[in-house]
Every structure is written in C-alpha cells, then in structure tokens.
PDB file of all heavy atoms in Angstrom:
ATOM      1  N   PHE A   1       6.003 -14.259   3.945  1.00  0.00           N
ATOM      2  CA  PHE A   1       5.520 -12.980   4.367  1.00  0.00           C
ATOM      3  C   PHE A   1       5.759 -11.888   3.311  1.00  0.00           C
ATOM      4  O   PHE A   1       4.872 -11.095   3.021  1.00  0.00           O
ATOM      5  CB  PHE A   1       6.307 -12.636   5.719  1.00  0.00           C
ATOM      6  CG  PHE A   1       6.022 -11.147   6.088  1.00  0.00           C
ATOM      7  CD1 PHE A   1       4.939 -10.880   6.980  1.00  0.00           C
ATOM      8  CD2 PHE A   1       6.875 -10.116   5.725  1.00  0.00           C
ATOM      9  CE1 PHE A   1       4.723  -9.587   7.370  1.00  0.00           C
ATOM     10  CE2 PHE A   1       6.697  -8.750   6.100  1.00  0.00           C
ATOM     11  CZ  PHE A   1       5.603  -8.562   6.964  1.00  0.00           C
ATOM     12  N   ASP A   2       6.883 -11.753   2.788  1.00  0.00           N
ATOM     13  CA  ASP A   2       7.227 -10.702   1.765  1.00  0.00           C
ATOM     14  C   ASP A   2       6.381 -10.921   0.472  1.00  0.00           C
ATOM     15  O   ASP A   2       5.923  -9.953  -0.070  1.00  0.00           O
ATOM     16  CB  ASP A   2       8.663 -10.919   1.428  1.00  0.00           C
ATOM     17  CG  ASP A   2       9.295  -9.603   0.745  1.00  0.00           C
ATOM     18  OD1 ASP A   2       9.146  -8.514   1.446  1.00  0.00           O
ATOM     19  OD2 ASP A   2       9.807  -9.718  -0.361  1.00  0.00           O
ATOM     20  N   SER A   3       6.112 -12.122   0.059  1.00  0.00           N
ATOM     21  CA  SER A   3       5.215 -12.341  -1.162  1.00  0.00           C
ATOM     22  C   SER A   3       3.845 -11.840  -0.890  1.00  0.00           C
ATOM     23  O   SER A   3       3.207 -11.285  -1.654  1.00  0.00           O
ATOM     24  CB  SER A   3       5.278 -13.868  -1.388  1.00  0.00           C
ATOM     25  OG  SER A   3       6.475 -14.287  -1.819  1.00  0.00           O
ATOM     26  N   LYS A   4       3.305 -12.214   0.322  1.00  0.00           N
ATOM     27  CA  LYS A   4       1.983 -11.790   0.704  1.00  0.00           C
ATOM     28  C   LYS A   4       1.879 -10.276   0.897  1.00  0.00           C
ATOM     29  O   LYS A   4       0.941  -9.585   0.433  1.00  0.00           O
ATOM     30  CB  LYS A   4       1.507 -12.531   1.918  1.00  0.00           C
ATOM     31  CG  LYS A   4       1.313 -13.927   1.743  1.00  0.00           C
ATOM     32  CD  LYS A   4       1.023 -14.649   3.089  1.00  0.00           C
ATOM     33  CE  LYS A   4       0.902 -16.189   2.905  1.00  0.00           C
ATOM     34  NZ  LYS A   4       0.791 -16.843   4.147  1.00  0.00           N
ATOM     35  N   LEU A   5       2.978  -9.663   1.404  1.00  0.00           N
ATOM     36  CA  LEU A   5       3.078  -8.262   1.578  1.00  0.00           C
ATOM     37  C   LEU A   5       2.996  -7.530   0.326  1.00  0.00           C
ATOM     38  O   LEU A   5       2.286  -6.515   0.056  1.00  0.00           O
ATOM     39  CB  LEU A   5       4.285  -7.799   2.370  1.00  0.00           C
ATOM     40  CG  LEU A   5       4.549  -6.345   2.620  1.00  0.00           C
ATOM     41  CD1 LEU A   5       3.364  -5.698   3.394  1.00  0.00           C
ATOM     42  CD2 LEU A   5       5.942  -6.197   3.242  1.00  0.00           C
ATOM     43  N   ARG A   6       3.694  -8.129  -0.658  1.00  0.00           N
ATOM     44  CA  ARG A   6       3.823  -7.520  -1.988  1.00  0.00           C
ATOM     45  C   ARG A   6       2.432  -7.555  -2.700  1.00  0.00           C
ATOM     46  O   ARG A   6       1.983  -6.556  -3.298  1.00  0.00           O
ATOM     47  CB  ARG A   6       4.807  -8.228  -2.912  1.00  0.00           C
ATOM     48  CG  ARG A   6       5.139  -7.658  -4.150  1.00  0.00           C
ATOM     49  CD  ARG A   6       6.152  -8.492  -4.907  1.00  0.00           C
ATOM     50  NE  ARG A   6       7.343  -8.830  -4.220  1.00  0.00           N
ATOM     51  CZ  ARG A   6       7.733 -10.000  -3.737  1.00  0.00           C
ATOM     52  NH1 ARG A   6       6.958 -11.088  -4.046  1.00  0.00           N
ATOM     53  NH2 ARG A   6       8.875 -10.158  -3.256  1.00  0.00           N
ATOM     54  N   ARG A   7       1.751  -8.679  -2.607  1.00  0.00           N
ATOM     55  CA  ARG A   7       0.336  -8.738  -3.110  1.00  0.00           C
ATOM     56  C   ARG A   7      -0.566  -7.763  -2.529  1.00  0.00           C
ATOM     57  O   ARG A   7      -1.422  -7.163  -3.229  1.00  0.00           O
ATOM     58  CB  ARG A   7      -0.145 -10.188  -2.967  1.00  0.00           C
ATOM     59  CG  ARG A   7       0.556 -11.113  -3.892  1.00  0.00           C
ATOM     60  CD  ARG A   7      -0.229 -12.427  -4.046  1.00  0.00           C
ATOM     61  NE  ARG A   7      -0.209 -13.213  -2.822  1.00  0.00           N
ATOM     62  CZ  ARG A   7       0.844 -14.066  -2.519  1.00  0.00           C
ATOM     63  NH1 ARG A   7       1.859 -14.229  -3.344  1.00  0.00           N
ATOM     64  NH2 ARG A   7       0.783 -14.773  -1.383  1.00  0.00           N
ATOM     65  N   ILE A   8      -0.530  -7.597  -1.225  1.00  0.00           N
ATOM     66  CA  ILE A   8      -1.422  -6.589  -0.467  1.00  0.00           C
ATOM     67  C   ILE A   8      -1.138  -5.278  -1.002  1.00  0.00           C
ATOM     68  O   ILE A   8      -2.058  -4.513  -1.356  1.00  0.00           O
ATOM     69  CB  ILE A   8      -1.176  -6.734   1.042  1.00  0.00           C
ATOM     70  CG1 ILE A   8      -1.773  -8.024   1.570  1.00  0.00           C
ATOM     71  CG2 ILE A   8      -1.875  -5.596   1.747  1.00  0.00           C
ATOM     72  CD1 ILE A   8      -1.425  -8.295   3.026  1.00  0.00           C
ATOM     73  N   ILE A   9       0.095  -4.838  -1.088  1.00  0.00           N
ATOM     74  CA  ILE A   9       0.550  -3.432  -1.515  1.00  0.00           C
ATOM     75  C   ILE A   9       0.126  -3.311  -2.947  1.00  0.00           C
ATOM     76  O   ILE A   9      -0.505  -2.246  -3.267  1.00  0.00           O
ATOM     77  CB  ILE A   9       2.072  -3.262  -1.318  1.00  0.00           C
ATOM     78  CG1 ILE A   9       2.439  -3.315   0.137  1.00  0.00           C
ATOM     79  CG2 ILE A   9       2.538  -1.976  -1.997  1.00  0.00           C
ATOM     80  CD1 ILE A   9       3.849  -3.381   0.421  1.00  0.00           C
ATOM     81  N   LEU A  10       0.310  -4.182  -3.899  1.00  0.00           N
ATOM     82  CA  LEU A  10      -0.034  -4.043  -5.157  1.00  0.00           C
ATOM     83  C   LEU A  10      -1.586  -3.890  -5.419  1.00  0.00           C
ATOM     84  O   LEU A  10      -1.910  -3.021  -6.183  1.00  0.00           O
ATOM     85  CB  LEU A  10       0.414  -5.328  -6.065  1.00  0.00           C
ATOM     86  CG  LEU A  10       1.920  -5.224  -6.565  1.00  0.00           C
ATOM     87  CD1 LEU A  10       2.340  -6.595  -7.153  1.00  0.00           C
ATOM     88  CD2 LEU A  10       2.211  -4.067  -7.488  1.00  0.00           C
ATOM     89  N   ASN A  11      -2.274  -4.617  -4.606  1.00  0.00           N
ATOM     90  CA  ASN A  11      -3.775  -4.534  -4.684  1.00  0.00           C
ATOM     91  C   ASN A  11      -4.193  -3.067  -4.218  1.00  0.00           C
ATOM     92  O   ASN A  11      -5.075  -2.494  -5.063  1.00  0.00           O
ATOM     93  CB  ASN A  11      -4.381  -5.522  -3.732  1.00  0.00           C
ATOM     94  CG  ASN A  11      -5.957  -5.533  -3.864  1.00  0.00           C
ATOM     95  OD1 ASN A  11      -6.427  -5.478  -4.942  1.00  0.00           O
ATOM     96  ND2 ASN A  11      -6.519  -5.375  -2.680  1.00  0.00           N
ATOM     97  N   VAL A  12      -3.716  -2.504  -3.199  1.00  0.00           N
ATOM     98  CA  VAL A  12      -4.164  -1.302  -2.710  1.00  0.00           C
ATOM     99  C   VAL A  12      -3.587  -0.103  -3.581  1.00  0.00           C
ATOM    100  O   VAL A  12      -4.135   0.966  -3.855  1.00  0.00           O
ATOM    101  CB  VAL A  12      -3.672  -0.993  -1.293  1.00  0.00           C
ATOM    102  CG1 VAL A  12      -2.299  -0.752  -1.031  1.00  0.00           C
ATOM    103  CG2 VAL A  12      -4.563   0.123  -0.657  1.00  0.00           C
ATOM    104  N   LEU A  13      -2.348  -0.265  -4.146  1.00  0.00           N
ATOM    105  CA  LEU A  13      -1.748   0.729  -5.081  1.00  0.00           C
ATOM    106  C   LEU A  13      -2.648   0.849  -6.391  1.00  0.00           C
ATOM    107  O   LEU A  13      -2.663   2.013  -6.837  1.00  0.00           O
ATOM    108  CB  LEU A  13      -0.272   0.377  -5.412  1.00  0.00           C
ATOM    109  CG  LEU A  13       0.765   0.603  -4.296  1.00  0.00           C
ATOM    110  CD1 LEU A  13       2.123   0.326  -4.766  1.00  0.00           C
ATOM    111  CD2 LEU A  13       0.710   2.123  -3.897  1.00  0.00           C
ATOM    112  N   ASP A  14      -3.113  -0.343  -6.786  1.00  0.00           N
ATOM    113  CA  ASP A  14      -3.967  -0.260  -8.073  1.00  0.00           C
ATOM    114  C   ASP A  14      -5.198   0.691  -7.654  1.00  0.00           C
ATOM    115  O   ASP A  14      -5.585   1.546  -8.527  1.00  0.00           O
ATOM    116  CB  ASP A  14      -4.465  -1.619  -8.308  1.00  0.00           C
ATOM    117  CG  ASP A  14      -5.379  -1.592  -9.529  1.00  0.00           C
ATOM    118  OD1 ASP A  14      -4.853  -1.507 -10.652  1.00  0.00           O
ATOM    119  OD2 ASP A  14      -6.515  -2.029  -9.396  1.00  0.00           O
ATOM    120  N   ARG A  15      -5.754   0.557  -6.513  1.00  0.00           N
ATOM    121  CA  ARG A  15      -6.884   1.458  -6.114  1.00  0.00           C
ATOM    122  C   ARG A  15      -6.413   3.042  -6.172  1.00  0.00           C
ATOM    123  O   ARG A  15      -7.042   3.864  -6.654  1.00  0.00           O
ATOM    124  CB  ARG A  15      -7.488   1.029  -4.810  1.00  0.00           C
ATOM    125  CG  ARG A  15      -8.528   1.913  -4.239  1.00  0.00           C
ATOM    126  CD  ARG A  15      -9.854   1.801  -4.978  1.00  0.00           C
ATOM    127  NE  ARG A  15     -10.921   2.612  -4.549  1.00  0.00           N
ATOM    128  CZ  ARG A  15     -11.703   2.261  -3.443  1.00  0.00           C
ATOM    129  NH1 ARG A  15     -11.655   1.174  -2.890  1.00  0.00           N
ATOM    130  NH2 ARG A  15     -12.684   3.102  -3.131  1.00  0.00           N
ATOM    131  N   ILE A  16      -5.217   3.195  -5.480  1.00  0.00           N
ATOM    132  CA  ILE A  16      -4.701   4.563  -5.456  1.00  0.00           C
ATOM    133  C   ILE A  16      -4.476   5.109  -6.791  1.00  0.00           C
ATOM    134  O   ILE A  16      -4.757   6.304  -7.162  1.00  0.00           O
ATOM    135  CB  ILE A  16      -3.497   4.620  -4.474  1.00  0.00           C
ATOM    136  CG1 ILE A  16      -3.918   4.309  -2.994  1.00  0.00           C
ATOM    137  CG2 ILE A  16      -2.884   6.043  -4.620  1.00  0.00           C
ATOM    138  CD1 ILE A  16      -2.751   4.045  -2.152  1.00  0.00           C
ATOM    139  N   GLU A  17      -3.787   4.372  -7.586  1.00  0.00           N
ATOM    140  CA  GLU A  17      -3.407   4.818  -9.080  1.00  0.00           C
ATOM    141  C   GLU A  17      -4.563   5.202  -9.789  1.00  0.00           C
ATOM    142  O   GLU A  17      -4.514   6.223 -10.514  1.00  0.00           O
ATOM    143  CB  GLU A  17      -2.621   3.620  -9.673  1.00  0.00           C
ATOM    144  CG  GLU A  17      -2.112   4.052 -11.124  1.00  0.00           C
ATOM    145  CD  GLU A  17      -1.407   2.913 -11.685  1.00  0.00           C
ATOM    146  OE1 GLU A  17      -0.876   2.059 -10.991  1.00  0.00           O
ATOM    147  OE2 GLU A  17      -1.162   3.033 -13.012  1.00  0.00           O
ATOM    148  N   VAL A  18      -5.663   4.401  -9.815  1.00  0.00           N
ATOM    149  CA  VAL A  18      -6.829   4.617 -10.627  1.00  0.00           C
ATOM    150  C   VAL A  18      -7.381   5.986 -10.071  1.00  0.00           C
ATOM    151  O   VAL A  18      -7.858   6.897 -10.872  1.00  0.00           O
ATOM    152  CB  VAL A  18      -7.877   3.590 -10.406  1.00  0.00           C
ATOM    153  CG1 VAL A  18      -9.189   3.967 -11.078  1.00  0.00           C
ATOM    154  CG2 VAL A  18      -7.321   2.251 -11.281  1.00  0.00           C
ATOM    155  N   ASN A  19      -7.585   6.295  -8.856  1.00  0.00           N
ATOM    156  CA  ASN A  19      -8.100   7.338  -8.193  1.00  0.00           C
ATOM    157  C   ASN A  19      -7.376   8.598  -8.660  1.00  0.00           C
ATOM    158  O   ASN A  19      -7.905   9.676  -8.990  1.00  0.00           O
ATOM    159  CB  ASN A  19      -8.132   7.255  -6.750  1.00  0.00           C
ATOM    160  CG  ASN A  19      -8.904   8.374  -6.075  1.00  0.00           C
ATOM    161  OD1 ASN A  19      -8.183   9.390  -5.786  1.00  0.00           O
ATOM    162  ND2 ASN A  19     -10.219   8.343  -5.918  1.00  0.00           N
ATOM    163  N   ILE A  20      -6.048   8.638  -8.461  1.00  0.00           N
ATOM    164  CA  ILE A  20      -5.188   9.798  -8.800  1.00  0.00           C
ATOM    165  C   ILE A  20      -5.269  10.057 -10.302  1.00  0.00           C
ATOM    166  O   ILE A  20      -5.385  11.205 -10.659  1.00  0.00           O
ATOM    167  CB  ILE A  20      -3.814   9.534  -8.303  1.00  0.00           C
ATOM    168  CG1 ILE A  20      -3.702   9.538  -6.717  1.00  0.00           C
ATOM    169  CG2 ILE A  20      -2.800  10.620  -8.823  1.00  0.00           C
ATOM    170  CD1 ILE A  20      -2.307   9.117  -6.207  1.00  0.00           C
ATOM    171  N   ARG A  21      -5.122   9.037 -11.127  1.00  0.00           N
ATOM    172  CA  ARG A  21      -5.317   9.227 -12.574  1.00  0.00           C
ATOM    173  C   ARG A  21      -6.638   9.859 -12.828  1.00  0.00           C
ATOM    174  O   ARG A  21      -6.660  10.855 -13.699  1.00  0.00           O
ATOM    175  CB  ARG A  21      -5.093   8.039 -13.215  1.00  0.00           C
ATOM    176  CG  ARG A  21      -5.029   8.181 -14.804  1.00  0.00           C
ATOM    177  CD  ARG A  21      -5.306   6.818 -15.444  1.00  0.00           C
ATOM    178  NE  ARG A  21      -4.190   5.923 -15.277  1.00  0.00           N
ATOM    179  CZ  ARG A  21      -4.262   4.718 -14.668  1.00  0.00           C
ATOM    180  NH1 ARG A  21      -5.448   4.336 -14.369  1.00  0.00           N
ATOM    181  NH2 ARG A  21      -3.281   3.945 -14.589  1.00  0.00           N
ATOM    182  N   THR A  22      -7.697   9.403 -12.332  1.00  0.00           N
ATOM    183  CA  THR A  22      -9.035  10.022 -12.546  1.00  0.00           C
ATOM    184  C   THR A  22      -9.118  11.442 -12.089  1.00  0.00           C
ATOM    185  O   THR A  22      -9.664  12.257 -12.848  1.00  0.00           O
ATOM    186  CB  THR A  22     -10.062   9.121 -11.767  1.00  0.00           C
ATOM    187  OG1 THR A  22     -10.057   7.640 -12.274  1.00  0.00           O
ATOM    188  CG2 THR A  22     -11.410   9.641 -12.004  1.00  0.00           C
ATOM    189  N   CYS A  23      -8.645  11.652 -10.968  1.00  0.00           N
ATOM    190  CA  CYS A  23      -8.718  13.114 -10.470  1.00  0.00           C
ATOM    191  C   CYS A  23      -7.921  14.176 -11.293  1.00  0.00           C
ATOM    192  O   CYS A  23      -8.345  15.091 -11.690  1.00  0.00           O
ATOM    193  CB  CYS A  23      -8.209  13.258  -9.035  1.00  0.00           C
ATOM    194  SG  CYS A  23      -9.441  12.565  -7.852  1.00  0.00           S
ATOM    195  N   ILE A  24      -6.756  13.674 -11.726  1.00  0.00           N
ATOM    196  CA  ILE A  24      -5.916  14.564 -12.516  1.00  0.00           C
ATOM    197  C   ILE A  24      -6.519  14.735 -14.017  1.00  0.00           C
ATOM    198  O   ILE A  24      -6.627  15.861 -14.420  1.00  0.00           O
ATOM    199  CB  ILE A  24      -4.358  13.932 -12.703  1.00  0.00           C
ATOM    200  CG1 ILE A  24      -3.797  14.000 -11.367  1.00  0.00           C
ATOM    201  CG2 ILE A  24      -3.628  14.842 -13.820  1.00  0.00           C
ATOM    202  CD1 ILE A  24      -2.284  13.415 -11.434  1.00  0.00           C
ATOM    203  N   THR A  25      -7.141  13.602 -14.485  1.00  0.00           N
ATOM    204  CA  THR A  25      -7.838  13.731 -15.732  1.00  0.00           C
ATOM    205  C   THR A  25      -8.986  14.585 -15.675  1.00  0.00           C
ATOM    206  O   THR A  25      -9.248  15.440 -16.593  1.00  0.00           O
ATOM    207  CB  THR A  25      -8.197  12.356 -16.237  1.00  0.00           C
ATOM    208  OG1 THR A  25      -7.135  11.423 -16.307  1.00  0.00           O
ATOM    209  CG2 THR A  25      -8.946  12.505 -17.561  1.00  0.00           C
ATOM    210  N   TYR A  26      -9.735  14.492 -14.545  1.00  0.00           N
ATOM    211  CA  TYR A  26     -11.094  15.167 -14.421  1.00  0.00           C
ATOM    212  C   TYR A  26     -10.774  16.683 -14.305  1.00  0.00           C
ATOM    213  O   TYR A  26     -11.358  17.445 -14.969  1.00  0.00           O
ATOM    214  CB  TYR A  26     -11.727  14.616 -13.335  1.00  0.00           C
ATOM    215  CG  TYR A  26     -13.021  15.382 -12.901  1.00  0.00           C
ATOM    216  CD1 TYR A  26     -14.185  15.245 -13.581  1.00  0.00           C
ATOM    217  CD2 TYR A  26     -12.979  16.308 -11.798  1.00  0.00           C
ATOM    218  CE1 TYR A  26     -15.353  15.815 -13.299  1.00  0.00           C
ATOM    219  CE2 TYR A  26     -14.279  16.975 -11.466  1.00  0.00           C
ATOM    220  CZ  TYR A  26     -15.417  16.797 -12.285  1.00  0.00           C
ATOM    221  OH  TYR A  26     -16.539  17.360 -11.899  1.00  0.00           O
ATOM    222  N   TYR A  27      -9.890  17.079 -13.317  1.00  0.00           N
ATOM    223  CA  TYR A  27      -9.687  18.481 -13.098  1.00  0.00           C
ATOM    224  C   TYR A  27      -8.908  19.117 -14.108  1.00  0.00           C
ATOM    225  O   TYR A  27      -9.068  20.368 -14.334  1.00  0.00           O
ATOM    226  CB  TYR A  27      -9.072  18.601 -11.690  1.00  0.00           C
ATOM    227  CG  TYR A  27     -10.019  18.356 -10.526  1.00  0.00           C
ATOM    228  CD1 TYR A  27      -9.989  17.140  -9.767  1.00  0.00           C
ATOM    229  CD2 TYR A  27     -10.931  19.415 -10.318  1.00  0.00           C
ATOM    230  CE1 TYR A  27     -10.909  16.970  -8.808  1.00  0.00           C
ATOM    231  CE2 TYR A  27     -11.859  19.124  -9.176  1.00  0.00           C
ATOM    232  CZ  TYR A  27     -11.789  17.894  -8.456  1.00  0.00           C
ATOM    233  OH  TYR A  27     -12.680  17.671  -7.521  1.00  0.00           O
ATOM    234  N   GLY A  28      -7.988  18.387 -14.708  1.00  0.00           N
ATOM    235  CA  GLY A  28      -7.240  19.047 -15.845  1.00  0.00           C
ATOM    236  C   GLY A  28      -8.162  19.203 -17.124  1.00  0.00           C
ATOM    237  O   GLY A  28      -8.086  20.221 -17.682  1.00  0.00           O
ATOM    238  N   SER A  29      -9.011  18.341 -17.316  1.00  0.00           N
ATOM    239  CA  SER A  29      -9.880  18.467 -18.499  1.00  0.00           C
ATOM    240  C   SER A  29     -10.912  19.505 -18.338  1.00  0.00           C
ATOM    241  O   SER A  29     -11.315  20.134 -19.289  1.00  0.00           O
ATOM    242  CB  SER A  29     -10.539  17.015 -18.782  1.00  0.00           C
ATOM    243  OG  SER A  29      -9.528  16.215 -19.213  1.00  0.00           O
ATOM    244  N   LEU A  30     -11.369  19.692 -17.147  1.00  0.00           N
ATOM    245  CA  LEU A  30     -12.374  20.763 -16.836  1.00  0.00           C
ATOM    246  C   LEU A  30     -11.674  22.086 -16.934  1.00  0.00           C
ATOM    247  O   LEU A  30     -12.336  23.072 -17.406  1.00  0.00           O
ATOM    248  CB  LEU A  30     -13.039  20.573 -15.435  1.00  0.00           C
ATOM    249  CG  LEU A  30     -14.097  19.420 -15.461  1.00  0.00           C
ATOM    250  CD1 LEU A  30     -14.773  19.377 -14.036  1.00  0.00           C
ATOM    251  CD2 LEU A  30     -15.227  19.691 -16.390  1.00  0.00           C
ATOM    252  N   THR A  31     -10.460  22.161 -16.291  1.00  0.00           N
ATOM    253  CA  THR A  31      -9.703  23.446 -16.388  1.00  0.00           C
ATOM    254  C   THR A  31      -9.527  23.887 -17.842  1.00  0.00           C
ATOM    255  O   THR A  31      -9.618  24.983 -18.149  1.00  0.00           O
ATOM    256  CB  THR A  31      -8.429  23.299 -15.645  1.00  0.00           C
ATOM    257  OG1 THR A  31      -8.646  22.928 -14.255  1.00  0.00           O
ATOM    258  CG2 THR A  31      -7.622  24.642 -15.613  1.00  0.00           C
ATOM    259  N   TYR A  32      -9.199  22.941 -18.665  1.00  0.00           N
ATOM    260  CA  TYR A  32      -8.872  23.359 -20.085  1.00  0.00           C
ATOM    261  C   TYR A  32     -10.045  22.679 -20.975  1.00  0.00           C
ATOM    262  O   TYR A  32      -9.753  21.857 -21.846  1.00  0.00           O
ATOM    263  CB  TYR A  32      -7.513  22.760 -20.421  1.00  0.00           C
ATOM    264  CG  TYR A  32      -6.441  23.052 -19.494  1.00  0.00           C
ATOM    265  CD1 TYR A  32      -5.679  22.109 -18.779  1.00  0.00           C
ATOM    266  CD2 TYR A  32      -6.101  24.446 -19.321  1.00  0.00           C
ATOM    267  CE1 TYR A  32      -4.661  22.548 -17.811  1.00  0.00           C
ATOM    268  CE2 TYR A  32      -5.173  24.874 -18.328  1.00  0.00           C
ATOM    269  CZ  TYR A  32      -4.342  23.813 -17.576  1.00  0.00           C
ATOM    270  OH  TYR A  32      -3.373  24.210 -16.821  1.00  0.00           O
ATOM    271  N   ILE A  33     -11.188  23.006 -20.601  1.00  0.00           N
ATOM    272  CA  ILE A  33     -12.317  22.375 -21.207  1.00  0.00           C
ATOM    273  C   ILE A  33     -12.386  22.446 -22.830  1.00  0.00           C
ATOM    274  O   ILE A  33     -12.919  21.546 -23.431  1.00  0.00           O
ATOM    275  CB  ILE A  33     -13.597  22.818 -20.512  1.00  0.00           C
ATOM    276  CG1 ILE A  33     -14.801  21.829 -20.841  1.00  0.00           C
ATOM    277  CG2 ILE A  33     -13.903  24.218 -20.970  1.00  0.00           C
ATOM    278  CD1 ILE A  33     -16.006  21.982 -19.888  1.00  0.00           C
ATOM    279  N   LYS A  34     -11.825  23.434 -23.286  1.00  0.00           N
ATOM    280  CA  LYS A  34     -11.829  23.705 -24.765  1.00  0.00           C
ATOM    281  C   LYS A  34     -10.789  23.015 -25.460  1.00  0.00           C
ATOM    282  O   LYS A  34     -10.579  23.109 -26.723  1.00  0.00           O
ATOM    283  CB  LYS A  34     -11.732  25.147 -25.192  1.00  0.00           C
ATOM    284  CG  LYS A  34     -12.998  25.921 -24.642  1.00  0.00           C
ATOM    285  CD  LYS A  34     -12.945  27.353 -25.035  1.00  0.00           C
ATOM    286  CE  LYS A  34     -14.176  28.222 -24.617  1.00  0.00           C
ATOM    287  NZ  LYS A  34     -14.179  29.637 -25.068  1.00  0.00           N
ATOM    288  N   ASP A  35      -9.844  22.369 -24.757  1.00  0.00           N
ATOM    289  CA  ASP A  35      -8.595  21.633 -25.350  1.00  0.00           C
ATOM    290  C   ASP A  35      -8.507  20.227 -24.759  1.00  0.00           C
ATOM    291  O   ASP A  35      -7.942  20.097 -23.675  1.00  0.00           O
ATOM    292  CB  ASP A  35      -7.320  22.410 -25.060  1.00  0.00           C
ATOM    293  CG  ASP A  35      -6.113  21.712 -25.747  1.00  0.00           C
ATOM    294  OD1 ASP A  35      -6.322  20.691 -26.399  1.00  0.00           O
ATOM    295  OD2 ASP A  35      -5.100  22.328 -25.581  1.00  0.00           O
ATOM    296  N   PRO A  36      -9.104  19.204 -25.419  1.00  0.00           N
ATOM    297  CA  PRO A  36      -8.984  17.937 -24.831  1.00  0.00           C
ATOM    298  C   PRO A  36      -7.543  17.304 -25.048  1.00  0.00           C
ATOM    299  O   PRO A  36      -7.356  16.161 -24.462  1.00  0.00           O
ATOM    300  CB  PRO A  36      -9.960  17.063 -25.883  1.00  0.00           C
ATOM    301  CG  PRO A  36     -10.094  17.912 -27.094  1.00  0.00           C
ATOM    302  CD  PRO A  36      -9.815  19.367 -26.694  1.00  0.00           C
ATOM    303  N   TYR A  37      -6.707  17.976 -25.617  1.00  0.00           N
ATOM    304  CA  TYR A  37      -5.341  17.500 -25.755  1.00  0.00           C
ATOM    305  C   TYR A  37      -4.388  18.428 -24.923  1.00  0.00           C
ATOM    306  O   TYR A  37      -3.223  18.562 -25.244  1.00  0.00           O
ATOM    307  CB  TYR A  37      -4.885  17.621 -27.215  1.00  0.00           C
ATOM    308  CG  TYR A  37      -5.860  16.920 -28.055  1.00  0.00           C
ATOM    309  CD1 TYR A  37      -6.689  17.817 -28.890  1.00  0.00           C
ATOM    310  CD2 TYR A  37      -6.135  15.600 -28.189  1.00  0.00           C
ATOM    311  CE1 TYR A  37      -7.672  17.296 -29.821  1.00  0.00           C
ATOM    312  CE2 TYR A  37      -7.150  15.093 -29.005  1.00  0.00           C
ATOM    313  CZ  TYR A  37      -7.896  15.880 -29.748  1.00  0.00           C
ATOM    314  OH  TYR A  37      -8.817  15.412 -30.601  1.00  0.00           O
ATOM    315  N   TRP A  38      -4.931  18.865 -23.763  1.00  0.00           N
ATOM    316  CA  TRP A  38      -4.187  19.896 -22.895  1.00  0.00           C
ATOM    317  C   TRP A  38      -2.863  19.272 -22.388  1.00  0.00           C
ATOM    318  O   TRP A  38      -1.906  19.941 -22.115  1.00  0.00           O
ATOM    319  CB  TRP A  38      -4.977  20.278 -21.797  1.00  0.00           C
ATOM    320  CG  TRP A  38      -5.490  19.142 -20.756  1.00  0.00           C
ATOM    321  CD1 TRP A  38      -6.727  18.577 -20.986  1.00  0.00           C
ATOM    322  CD2 TRP A  38      -4.866  18.549 -19.741  1.00  0.00           C
ATOM    323  NE1 TRP A  38      -6.860  17.666 -20.031  1.00  0.00           N
ATOM    324  CE2 TRP A  38      -5.826  17.548 -19.212  1.00  0.00           C
ATOM    325  CE3 TRP A  38      -3.604  18.824 -19.127  1.00  0.00           C
ATOM    326  CZ2 TRP A  38      -5.490  16.775 -18.097  1.00  0.00           C
ATOM    327  CZ3 TRP A  38      -3.411  17.986 -17.942  1.00  0.00           C
ATOM    328  CH2 TRP A  38      -4.158  17.056 -17.605  1.00  0.00           C
ATOM    329  N   PHE A  39      -2.748  17.936 -22.288  1.00  0.00           N
ATOM    330  CA  PHE A  39      -1.558  17.348 -21.660  1.00  0.00           C
ATOM    331  C   PHE A  39      -0.344  17.315 -22.640  1.00  0.00           C
ATOM    332  O   PHE A  39       0.733  17.082 -22.214  1.00  0.00           O
ATOM    333  CB  PHE A  39      -1.925  15.784 -21.391  1.00  0.00           C
ATOM    334  CG  PHE A  39      -2.430  15.095 -22.699  1.00  0.00           C
ATOM    335  CD1 PHE A  39      -1.553  14.276 -23.519  1.00  0.00           C
ATOM    336  CD2 PHE A  39      -3.832  15.009 -22.870  1.00  0.00           C
ATOM    337  CE1 PHE A  39      -2.037  13.654 -24.635  1.00  0.00           C
ATOM    338  CE2 PHE A  39      -4.233  14.341 -23.902  1.00  0.00           C
ATOM    339  CZ  PHE A  39      -3.502  13.721 -24.848  1.00  0.00           C
TER     340      PHE A  39
END
C-alpha cells in the first residue's frame, strides 16, 4: 500500500511542481521583462 501511495503522490507532485515553476517563471519574467536574470 505504502509503495503504491508513494508512486501516486510522486506522479501528481510532478504535475504540481511543473505548474508552480512555470507560473513563477512566467509572472516573474514578465514583471521584470527587461532583466532576464531577475532571480
């Protein structure tokens, strides 16, 4: 059960991680559009 639970969680966390990274990159880069190294 625990092994299967871990795989389910990792699969969905991958989706969440990509989305959050994309949103932070997108809104940060548009906010500081003249500085691609804003981070």
